[in-house]
Protein backbone atom coordinates (compact mmCIF):
# COMPACT_ATOMS: atom_id res chain seq x y z
CA MET A 1 -8.78 -0.11 -45.70
CA ILE A 2 -9.16 -1.48 -42.23
CA TYR A 3 -12.24 0.72 -41.81
CA LEU A 4 -13.72 -0.68 -45.04
CA ILE A 5 -13.23 -4.30 -43.95
CA TYR A 6 -14.70 -3.47 -40.57
CA SER A 7 -17.72 -1.82 -42.19
CA LEU A 8 -18.28 -4.79 -44.49
CA GLY A 9 -18.13 -7.09 -41.47
CA ILE A 10 -20.84 -5.10 -39.76
CA LEU A 11 -22.94 -5.18 -42.94
CA PHE A 12 -22.69 -8.93 -43.33
CA ALA A 13 -23.40 -9.44 -39.64
CA SER A 14 -26.52 -7.34 -39.88
CA CYS A 15 -27.76 -9.44 -42.86
CA GLU A 16 -27.34 -12.75 -41.03
CA LYS A 17 -30.68 -14.62 -40.59
CA GLU A 18 -32.15 -15.40 -37.21
CA PRO A 19 -31.30 -18.97 -36.13
CA GLN A 20 -34.11 -21.42 -37.03
CA PRO A 21 -35.88 -23.23 -34.20
CA PRO A 22 -35.16 -26.95 -34.04
CA PRO A 23 -37.76 -29.16 -35.78
CA LYS A 24 -40.64 -30.23 -33.59
CA PRO A 25 -40.66 -33.90 -32.63
CA PRO A 26 -43.58 -35.93 -34.00
CA ALA A 27 -46.72 -35.59 -31.92
CA PRO A 28 -47.11 -38.50 -29.49
CA ASN A 29 -49.86 -40.97 -30.26
CA SER A 30 -52.65 -39.83 -27.97
CA SER A 31 -54.93 -42.75 -28.87
CA LYS A 32 -56.37 -44.74 -26.00
CA LEU A 33 -56.33 -47.87 -28.15
CA GLN A 34 -53.82 -50.52 -27.08
CA ILE A 35 -53.11 -52.18 -30.42
CA VAL A 36 -51.79 -55.73 -30.03
CA TRP A 37 -51.22 -56.21 -33.77
CA GLN A 38 -52.32 -54.83 -37.10
CA LYS A 39 -51.96 -56.46 -40.50
CA PRO A 40 -52.55 -54.95 -43.95
CA ILE A 41 -55.83 -56.06 -45.50
CA ALA A 42 -54.11 -56.14 -48.90
CA GLN A 43 -50.38 -56.62 -49.46
CA ASP A 44 -50.19 -53.41 -51.46
CA THR A 45 -51.96 -51.61 -48.55
CA THR A 46 -54.67 -50.28 -50.88
CA GLU A 47 -58.01 -49.15 -49.44
CA ASN A 48 -60.45 -51.98 -48.64
CA TRP A 49 -63.85 -52.20 -46.97
CA VAL A 50 -64.08 -54.89 -44.30
CA ILE A 51 -66.98 -56.06 -42.11
CA MET A 52 -65.90 -57.88 -38.96
CA GLN A 53 -67.98 -60.99 -38.20
CA GLU A 54 -66.90 -63.16 -35.29
CA ALA A 55 -63.89 -64.15 -33.19
CA ARG A 56 -63.69 -67.62 -31.64
CA ASP A 57 -61.54 -70.75 -31.36
CA GLY A 58 -58.33 -68.89 -32.17
CA LYS A 59 -59.59 -67.21 -35.36
CA VAL A 60 -61.16 -63.91 -36.34
CA LEU A 61 -63.56 -64.03 -39.29
CA TYR A 62 -64.45 -61.11 -41.54
CA SER A 63 -65.71 -60.33 -45.04
CA ARG A 64 -63.84 -58.04 -47.38
CA LYS A 65 -66.67 -56.29 -49.19
CA MET A 66 -64.72 -53.93 -51.48
CA PRO A 67 -62.96 -53.81 -53.87
CA TYR A 68 -65.22 -56.11 -55.90
CA PRO A 69 -65.46 -59.10 -55.82
CA ALA A 70 -65.90 -59.76 -52.11
CA THR A 71 -64.16 -62.51 -50.13
CA VAL A 72 -64.45 -64.20 -46.73
CA GLN A 73 -61.21 -64.33 -44.73
CA ALA A 74 -59.98 -65.82 -41.46
CA ARG A 75 -56.89 -64.75 -39.50
CA ASP A 76 -55.07 -66.16 -36.52
CA ALA A 77 -56.50 -64.37 -33.48
CA ASP A 78 -53.11 -64.05 -31.74
CA SER A 79 -50.78 -63.19 -34.63
CA GLY A 80 -53.03 -61.77 -37.35
CA ASP A 81 -51.64 -64.16 -39.95
CA ILE A 82 -54.01 -65.22 -42.73
CA LYS A 83 -55.43 -68.71 -42.16
CA TRP A 84 -57.59 -68.92 -45.28
CA ILE A 85 -59.40 -66.84 -47.91
CA PHE A 86 -62.63 -68.03 -49.53
CA ASN A 87 -63.59 -66.77 -53.00
CA ASP A 88 -65.14 -69.91 -54.52
CA PHE A 89 -68.55 -68.33 -55.15
CA LEU A 90 -71.12 -69.47 -57.66
CA SER A 91 -70.93 -65.93 -59.06
CA PRO A 92 -68.77 -62.90 -58.08
CA ALA A 93 -69.85 -61.72 -54.64
CA ASP A 94 -70.56 -58.16 -53.48
CA GLY A 95 -72.74 -58.54 -50.36
CA LEU A 96 -71.55 -60.64 -47.39
CA TYR A 97 -73.09 -58.71 -44.52
CA ASP A 98 -73.89 -61.42 -41.98
CA ILE A 99 -71.80 -64.56 -41.47
CA TYR A 100 -72.61 -67.13 -38.78
CA ILE A 101 -70.61 -69.90 -37.14
CA TYR A 102 -72.29 -73.02 -35.79
CA GLU A 103 -69.97 -75.69 -34.40
CA ASN A 104 -67.39 -76.05 -37.21
CA ASN A 105 -69.59 -74.61 -39.95
CA VAL A 106 -69.56 -71.08 -41.41
CA VAL A 107 -72.92 -70.22 -43.00
CA PHE A 108 -73.81 -67.08 -44.93
CA GLN A 109 -75.82 -65.78 -47.84
CA GLU A 110 -74.67 -63.90 -50.92
CA TRP A 111 -77.78 -62.57 -52.65
CA GLY A 112 -79.60 -65.66 -53.97
CA ASP A 113 -76.97 -68.22 -52.89
CA THR A 114 -76.34 -69.78 -49.49
CA TYR A 115 -72.94 -71.24 -48.52
CA CYS A 116 -71.54 -73.48 -45.81
CA LEU A 117 -67.74 -73.52 -45.25
CA ASP A 118 -65.44 -75.52 -43.02
CA PHE A 119 -64.37 -73.17 -40.22
CA ASP A 120 -60.87 -74.63 -39.98
CA SER A 121 -59.96 -74.63 -43.67
CA GLY A 122 -62.40 -72.29 -45.44
CA VAL A 123 -63.27 -75.07 -47.90
CA ARG A 124 -66.84 -74.99 -49.21
CA LYS A 125 -68.92 -77.89 -47.87
CA TRP A 126 -72.08 -77.05 -49.81
CA SER A 127 -73.96 -74.25 -51.52
CA ALA A 128 -77.59 -73.77 -52.52
CA SER A 129 -79.01 -71.40 -55.13
CA GLY A 130 -82.24 -69.60 -55.79
CA THR A 131 -83.41 -68.48 -52.35
CA THR A 132 -83.79 -64.69 -52.29
CA ASN A 133 -82.54 -61.45 -53.75
CA ILE A 134 -82.09 -59.89 -50.29
CA PRO A 135 -78.61 -60.59 -48.82
CA ARG A 136 -79.73 -61.04 -45.21
CA GLY A 137 -80.39 -64.09 -43.10
CA ASN A 138 -80.17 -65.10 -39.47
CA GLN A 139 -78.97 -68.11 -37.50
CA ILE A 140 -81.24 -69.37 -34.73
CA GLY A 141 -79.95 -72.40 -32.86
CA ASP A 142 -78.63 -74.88 -35.40
CA TYR A 143 -80.76 -73.48 -38.26
CA PHE A 144 -80.05 -70.79 -40.83
CA TYR A 145 -83.14 -68.75 -41.79
CA THR A 146 -83.67 -66.87 -45.04
CA ASN A 147 -86.32 -66.08 -47.68
CA HIS A 148 -87.43 -67.68 -50.91
CA THR A 149 -89.08 -65.33 -53.39
CA ILE A 150 -91.11 -66.12 -56.50
CA GLY A 151 -90.72 -63.42 -59.13
CA SER A 152 -88.47 -60.35 -59.16
CA SER A 153 -89.10 -57.10 -57.27
CA PRO A 154 -91.42 -55.31 -57.67
CA ASN A 155 -93.26 -58.18 -59.36
CA VAL A 156 -92.87 -60.70 -56.54
CA THR A 157 -95.88 -63.02 -56.32
CA SER A 158 -94.94 -64.77 -53.05
CA ASN A 159 -92.31 -64.79 -50.35
CA ALA A 160 -91.60 -67.67 -47.97
CA LEU A 161 -89.64 -67.86 -44.73
CA ILE A 162 -87.42 -70.95 -45.00
CA ARG A 163 -84.62 -72.60 -43.02
CA THR A 164 -81.98 -75.30 -43.29
CA ARG A 165 -79.70 -76.94 -40.75
CA ALA A 166 -76.31 -75.26 -40.34
CA GLN A 167 -74.37 -78.49 -40.79
CA GLY A 168 -71.79 -80.03 -43.09
CA THR A 169 -74.33 -81.55 -45.49
CA PHE A 170 -77.24 -79.74 -47.10
CA SER A 171 -80.57 -81.08 -45.81
CA GLY A 172 -82.84 -79.02 -48.05
CA TRP A 173 -85.15 -76.12 -47.21
CA ASP A 174 -87.98 -76.29 -44.71
CA THR A 175 -90.77 -73.80 -45.52
CA LEU A 176 -92.26 -72.24 -42.37
CA TYR A 177 -94.51 -69.45 -43.63
CA THR A 178 -95.58 -68.13 -47.04
CA ARG A 179 -97.03 -64.73 -47.88
CA HIS A 180 -98.71 -64.20 -51.27
CA ALA A 181 -99.00 -60.86 -53.02
CA VAL A 182 -102.16 -58.80 -52.64
CA PRO A 183 -103.30 -56.17 -55.18
CA ASP A 184 -100.79 -53.38 -55.81
CA SER A 185 -98.16 -54.87 -53.49
CA PHE A 186 -95.34 -57.36 -53.21
CA PRO A 187 -94.66 -59.38 -50.02
CA ILE A 188 -91.51 -58.98 -47.90
CA ILE A 189 -90.57 -61.11 -44.88
CA ASN A 190 -87.97 -59.58 -42.57
CA ILE A 191 -85.27 -61.13 -40.36
CA PRO A 192 -86.65 -63.46 -37.63
CA THR A 193 -85.62 -63.88 -34.01
CA LEU A 194 -86.43 -66.56 -31.41
CA TRP A 195 -88.48 -66.60 -28.21
CA VAL A 196 -89.14 -69.66 -26.00
CA ASN A 197 -92.51 -69.39 -24.24
CA SER A 198 -93.45 -70.65 -20.78
CA GLN A 199 -94.55 -74.04 -22.25
CA GLY A 200 -91.09 -74.54 -23.76
CA ASP A 201 -92.25 -74.00 -27.36
CA SER A 202 -89.92 -72.18 -29.74
CA VAL A 203 -91.60 -69.15 -31.33
CA ILE A 204 -90.08 -67.07 -34.11
CA ILE A 205 -90.92 -63.38 -34.43
CA PHE A 206 -90.65 -61.60 -37.77
CA LEU A 207 -92.11 -58.72 -39.79
CA VAL A 208 -94.39 -59.34 -42.78
CA THR A 209 -94.81 -56.37 -45.12
CA ASP A 210 -96.91 -55.80 -48.22
CA GLY A 211 -94.58 -53.49 -50.13
CA TYR A 212 -96.11 -50.70 -52.17
CA ASN A 213 -96.37 -51.43 -55.91
CA GLY A 214 -98.85 -49.13 -57.63
CA PRO A 215 -100.28 -45.62 -57.80
CA PRO A 216 -101.96 -44.31 -54.64
CA PRO A 217 -104.44 -44.86 -53.20
CA THR A 218 -103.90 -48.59 -52.84
CA ALA A 219 -104.95 -51.22 -50.32
CA GLY A 220 -101.48 -52.75 -50.23
CA ARG A 221 -99.48 -49.67 -49.39
CA PHE A 222 -96.90 -50.78 -46.83
CA LYS A 223 -99.14 -52.73 -44.50
CA ALA A 224 -96.86 -54.45 -42.00
CA TYR A 225 -97.52 -57.08 -39.33
CA ILE A 226 -95.30 -58.21 -36.46
CA THR A 227 -95.88 -61.97 -36.57
CA ALA A 228 -95.30 -64.71 -33.98
CA LEU A 229 -95.15 -68.29 -35.32
CA ASN A 230 -95.02 -71.37 -33.07
CA LEU A 231 -92.44 -73.73 -34.61
CA ARG A 232 -93.97 -76.85 -33.01
CA THR A 233 -97.50 -76.30 -34.26
CA ARG A 234 -96.55 -74.18 -37.32
CA GLN A 235 -99.40 -71.85 -36.34
CA ILE A 236 -99.41 -68.06 -36.00
CA ILE A 237 -100.19 -67.30 -32.34
CA TRP A 238 -100.55 -63.53 -32.76
CA GLN A 239 -100.01 -60.64 -35.16
CA TYR A 240 -99.64 -56.95 -34.43
CA PRO A 241 -101.27 -55.15 -37.40
CA ASP A 242 -100.26 -51.89 -39.02
CA PHE A 243 -96.72 -51.74 -37.68
CA LYS A 244 -95.22 -48.50 -38.95
CA GLY A 245 -91.75 -49.04 -40.31
CA TYR A 246 -89.12 -51.60 -41.16
CA TYR A 247 -85.99 -52.88 -39.44
CA SER A 248 -82.59 -54.06 -40.66
CA ALA A 249 -81.40 -55.70 -37.42
CA PRO A 250 -83.17 -58.69 -35.82
CA PRO A 251 -85.62 -57.77 -33.03
CA LEU A 252 -84.29 -58.21 -29.50
CA VAL A 253 -85.92 -60.68 -27.10
CA ASP A 254 -85.45 -60.10 -23.37
CA GLY A 255 -87.56 -62.33 -21.14
CA ASP A 256 -91.17 -61.94 -22.28
CA ARG A 257 -90.54 -58.61 -24.00
CA LEU A 258 -89.72 -57.89 -27.62
CA TYR A 259 -87.83 -54.75 -28.66
CA ILE A 260 -87.80 -53.54 -32.26
CA ASN A 261 -85.69 -50.72 -33.64
CA GLY A 262 -87.77 -49.25 -36.45
CA PRO A 263 -88.54 -45.54 -36.95
CA ASP A 264 -89.01 -45.50 -33.14
CA VAL A 265 -88.17 -48.09 -30.48
CA PHE A 266 -91.11 -50.41 -29.79
CA CYS A 267 -91.66 -52.75 -26.83
CA PHE A 268 -94.17 -55.63 -27.17
CA ASP A 269 -95.52 -58.24 -24.77
CA LEU A 270 -94.49 -61.56 -26.35
CA ASN A 271 -97.34 -63.48 -24.73
CA THR A 272 -100.09 -61.32 -26.21
CA GLY A 273 -98.52 -59.26 -28.99
CA ASN A 274 -99.71 -56.06 -27.31
CA LEU A 275 -97.65 -52.90 -27.69
CA LEU A 276 -96.40 -51.90 -24.22
CA TRP A 277 -94.68 -48.65 -25.17
CA GLN A 278 -93.23 -46.75 -28.11
CA LYS A 279 -90.50 -44.13 -27.86
CA PRO A 280 -89.29 -41.74 -30.57
CA PHE A 281 -85.75 -40.35 -30.63
CA GLU A 282 -84.41 -37.15 -32.13
CA GLY A 283 -83.17 -37.92 -35.63
CA GLY A 284 -84.77 -41.39 -35.60
CA VAL A 285 -83.10 -44.64 -34.65
CA GLY A 286 -82.76 -46.44 -37.99
CA GLY A 287 -81.71 -50.07 -38.04
CA THR A 288 -78.84 -50.34 -35.53
CA SER A 289 -79.14 -53.34 -33.20
CA LEU A 290 -80.30 -52.97 -29.59
CA VAL A 291 -78.61 -54.38 -26.48
CA VAL A 292 -79.81 -54.83 -22.89
CA HIS A 293 -77.64 -54.35 -19.80
CA HIS A 294 -79.55 -55.27 -16.63
CA ASP A 295 -82.63 -52.98 -16.76
CA ILE A 296 -81.14 -50.63 -19.37
CA LEU A 297 -81.94 -50.82 -23.08
CA VAL A 298 -79.19 -49.15 -25.12
CA VAL A 299 -80.29 -47.30 -28.27
CA GLN A 300 -78.17 -45.50 -30.89
CA SER A 301 -79.61 -42.56 -32.84
CA SER A 302 -79.47 -42.44 -36.63
CA GLN A 303 -77.69 -39.11 -36.31
CA ILE A 304 -75.83 -38.31 -33.09
CA GLY A 305 -76.20 -39.71 -29.62
CA MET A 306 -76.65 -42.94 -27.68
CA TRP A 307 -79.32 -43.43 -25.03
CA GLY A 308 -79.81 -45.72 -22.09
CA ILE A 309 -83.52 -46.14 -21.34
CA ASN A 310 -85.53 -48.13 -18.83
CA LYS A 311 -86.43 -51.37 -20.60
CA TYR A 312 -89.79 -51.59 -18.79
CA THR A 313 -91.03 -48.03 -19.37
CA GLY A 314 -88.87 -46.45 -22.10
CA ASP A 315 -87.91 -43.58 -19.75
CA GLN A 316 -84.47 -42.04 -20.29
CA ILE A 317 -81.72 -43.01 -17.84
CA TRP A 318 -78.71 -41.47 -19.61
CA HIS A 319 -77.79 -39.77 -22.87
CA ASN A 320 -74.32 -39.83 -24.45
CA LYS A 321 -73.81 -37.07 -27.05
CA ASP A 322 -70.39 -38.30 -28.20
CA THR A 323 -71.41 -41.08 -30.57
CA ASP A 324 -71.96 -40.44 -34.27
CA GLY A 325 -74.82 -41.53 -36.46
CA LYS A 326 -74.69 -44.22 -39.11
CA THR A 327 -73.50 -46.64 -36.47
CA TRP A 328 -72.83 -50.28 -37.20
CA GLU A 329 -74.02 -53.08 -34.89
CA LEU A 330 -73.85 -52.47 -31.13
CA LEU A 331 -71.93 -55.16 -29.27
CA LEU A 332 -72.16 -55.51 -25.48
CA PHE A 333 -69.34 -57.14 -23.52
CA ASP A 334 -68.58 -56.93 -19.81
CA GLY A 335 -70.87 -53.94 -19.31
CA ILE A 336 -69.41 -51.90 -22.19
CA VAL A 337 -71.07 -51.17 -25.55
CA TYR A 338 -68.70 -51.21 -28.55
CA CYS A 339 -69.44 -49.94 -32.06
CA THR A 340 -68.00 -48.17 -35.08
CA SER A 341 -69.53 -45.30 -37.04
CA SER A 342 -69.34 -44.19 -40.64
CA GLY A 343 -70.25 -40.67 -39.48
CA TYR A 344 -66.72 -39.76 -38.35
CA GLY A 345 -65.18 -43.20 -38.71
CA ARG A 346 -64.53 -43.62 -35.01
CA LEU A 347 -64.42 -46.63 -32.69
CA TYR A 348 -66.52 -46.21 -29.55
CA ALA A 349 -66.69 -47.82 -26.14
CA VAL A 350 -69.49 -46.62 -23.85
CA ASN A 351 -70.26 -47.68 -20.27
CA ALA A 352 -73.71 -49.28 -20.49
CA GLU A 353 -74.52 -48.49 -16.86
CA THR A 354 -73.64 -44.78 -16.82
CA GLY A 355 -73.37 -43.77 -20.49
CA ALA A 356 -69.81 -42.49 -19.94
CA THR A 357 -67.49 -42.53 -22.97
CA ILE A 358 -64.47 -44.81 -22.57
CA TRP A 359 -63.23 -44.65 -26.19
CA LYS A 360 -63.97 -42.15 -28.91
CA GLU A 361 -61.06 -42.90 -31.18
CA ARG A 362 -60.11 -42.44 -34.80
CA SER A 363 -57.60 -44.82 -36.36
CA PRO A 364 -54.01 -43.90 -35.40
CA ASN A 365 -53.06 -44.71 -39.01
CA ARG A 366 -54.65 -41.42 -40.11
CA THR A 367 -51.37 -39.68 -39.22
CA ASN A 368 -49.59 -41.58 -42.01
CA PRO A 369 -49.96 -39.78 -45.38
CA LYS A 370 -50.20 -43.13 -47.17
CA THR A 371 -53.20 -44.16 -45.04
CA GLY A 372 -54.64 -40.74 -44.27
CA ASN A 373 -58.10 -41.95 -45.21
CA ALA A 374 -58.04 -44.62 -42.49
CA SER A 375 -61.47 -44.92 -40.89
CA PHE A 376 -63.25 -47.54 -38.80
CA ALA A 377 -66.45 -46.56 -40.67
CA SER A 378 -68.74 -49.59 -41.12
CA ALA A 379 -66.20 -52.27 -40.15
CA GLY A 380 -67.97 -53.08 -36.89
CA VAL A 381 -66.26 -55.10 -34.18
CA ALA A 382 -65.76 -58.71 -33.18
CA ILE A 383 -64.78 -59.67 -29.62
CA ASP A 384 -62.97 -62.72 -28.32
CA PRO A 385 -64.20 -62.90 -24.68
CA GLU A 386 -61.60 -65.46 -23.58
CA ARG A 387 -58.65 -63.44 -24.86
CA ARG A 388 -60.36 -60.12 -23.99
CA LEU A 389 -59.46 -58.79 -27.41
CA LEU A 390 -61.41 -56.69 -29.90
CA TYR A 391 -60.97 -56.91 -33.66
CA THR A 392 -61.84 -54.24 -36.21
CA ALA A 393 -60.47 -52.66 -39.41
CA ASP A 394 -59.69 -49.15 -40.68
CA LYS A 395 -59.81 -49.69 -44.49
CA TYR A 396 -56.08 -50.45 -44.60
CA TYR A 397 -55.38 -52.72 -41.63
CA VAL A 398 -57.13 -55.41 -39.65
CA MET A 399 -56.48 -54.64 -35.98
CA CYS A 400 -56.40 -56.49 -32.69
CA ILE A 401 -57.00 -54.21 -29.70
CA LYS A 402 -56.76 -54.99 -25.99
CA LEU A 403 -60.05 -54.44 -24.17
CA PRO A 404 -60.13 -52.09 -21.17
CA GLU A 405 -60.23 -53.69 -17.74
CA ARG A 406 -63.38 -53.24 -15.68
C-alpha cells in the first residue's frame, strides 16, 4: 500500500508542468517625441483626418477634413483645450487645405466660397461665393489671392487671378490678370507668390496653363507659361514659355531667384525670366514645398529621400534616404526641416545643414489596439516659435510636441 502511494506520487510529480515564465513587462516607449499634451480629435476617439495650419498668439489652428463635413478648429496652444469650432459654411465643406491668418483674421477657401473668421472667436466676419472650383489660394501681404472661373471644367471659357484684402469687411475682388480659352483648351492659373524687385515694385509670379481639352493633335495641349506681373503697372514683365509641368505648392522666392517644384526642380532668374538650371530627381519631386537654409535648397522626392542641393548650381550636397514619399509641406525652423508623410505615416525632423535624421517617428499611439491605425500621414505640422512647440495629429489625437534643442 505504501509502495502504491509512493508510486502514484512519483507519477503525479512526473506529470507536473514546467513553471511558466513571468509575463514580460510592456515594452518601453522608445519614441524620441517629447509629447507635452495630446487631446482626442473627437470625443468618441474615432478616426479623423486633420491638416495642421498655423500656431500663433496662444492658439493652434487646424482643419478637420474627414469625416465629412469638414470643420475649422482652434485649440489652446498650452493646454490643448478647444477654443472654438467653425462649421457655418454656405454649403457642407470637404476641402480646407490652406488657411491663412492676417492680424486677427482667418481667411480660407472652400471650393467656390471664400471665408473670413475672427481669430479669437471663430465667428464668421464675411463670406463670398462664386470664385473658383479649385480649393487653393494664397495669402501675400494683406491680400488673399484666388481664381475666378467662367464656365465649368473642361468647358471653362476664362480664368482670372483675383484678390481681396484679408480684413474684417469684404472689399470686393480686384482682377489682376485674365486668361481666355484657346481652341481645344481651358485656362488654368496656378498659385502665385511675391517678389520685390530692385525698384521696390511688387511682382507676383504664377503659372498660366492651357489645359488639354480635345483629341490630339491640338494647339492647346498643356502649354504653360511662368508669368511675372508687376502689381504697380499691372503689366507682364516677362514670361517663360513652354514650362513642362504643374505645381501644387507656391514657388519659392530667394533673393533674385525663383525655385519651382514641378516634375523637376527649376531655378529662374527673376529679373529676366531665364532658366538658370533644372535638376531631375529619382522618382520625381511632385508638389511638396521647397525650403532654403543658407545656401542649401531642401527638396523632398515623391517616393523616398530628401536632398540638400546648392541653391546656385543645383549640385547635390547631401542625400537623406530615411524620408518617405507622399510628404506634406516642408517646414523649416531653427535649421531643422519638419514634415509628415503618408507613405509610412511618420513624423520627420532632418538637419538642413547636414541631412542627418533627428526624428523618424511613428505615433506612439499605434501600440494601443484602439488606435492601432494611428498615423501622422498628411496632417503636416505647425510650429509655435516662441514656445518652441510643434503641433501635429495622428488621426485620433491632436498633439503638442517639444522641439529638440539646437
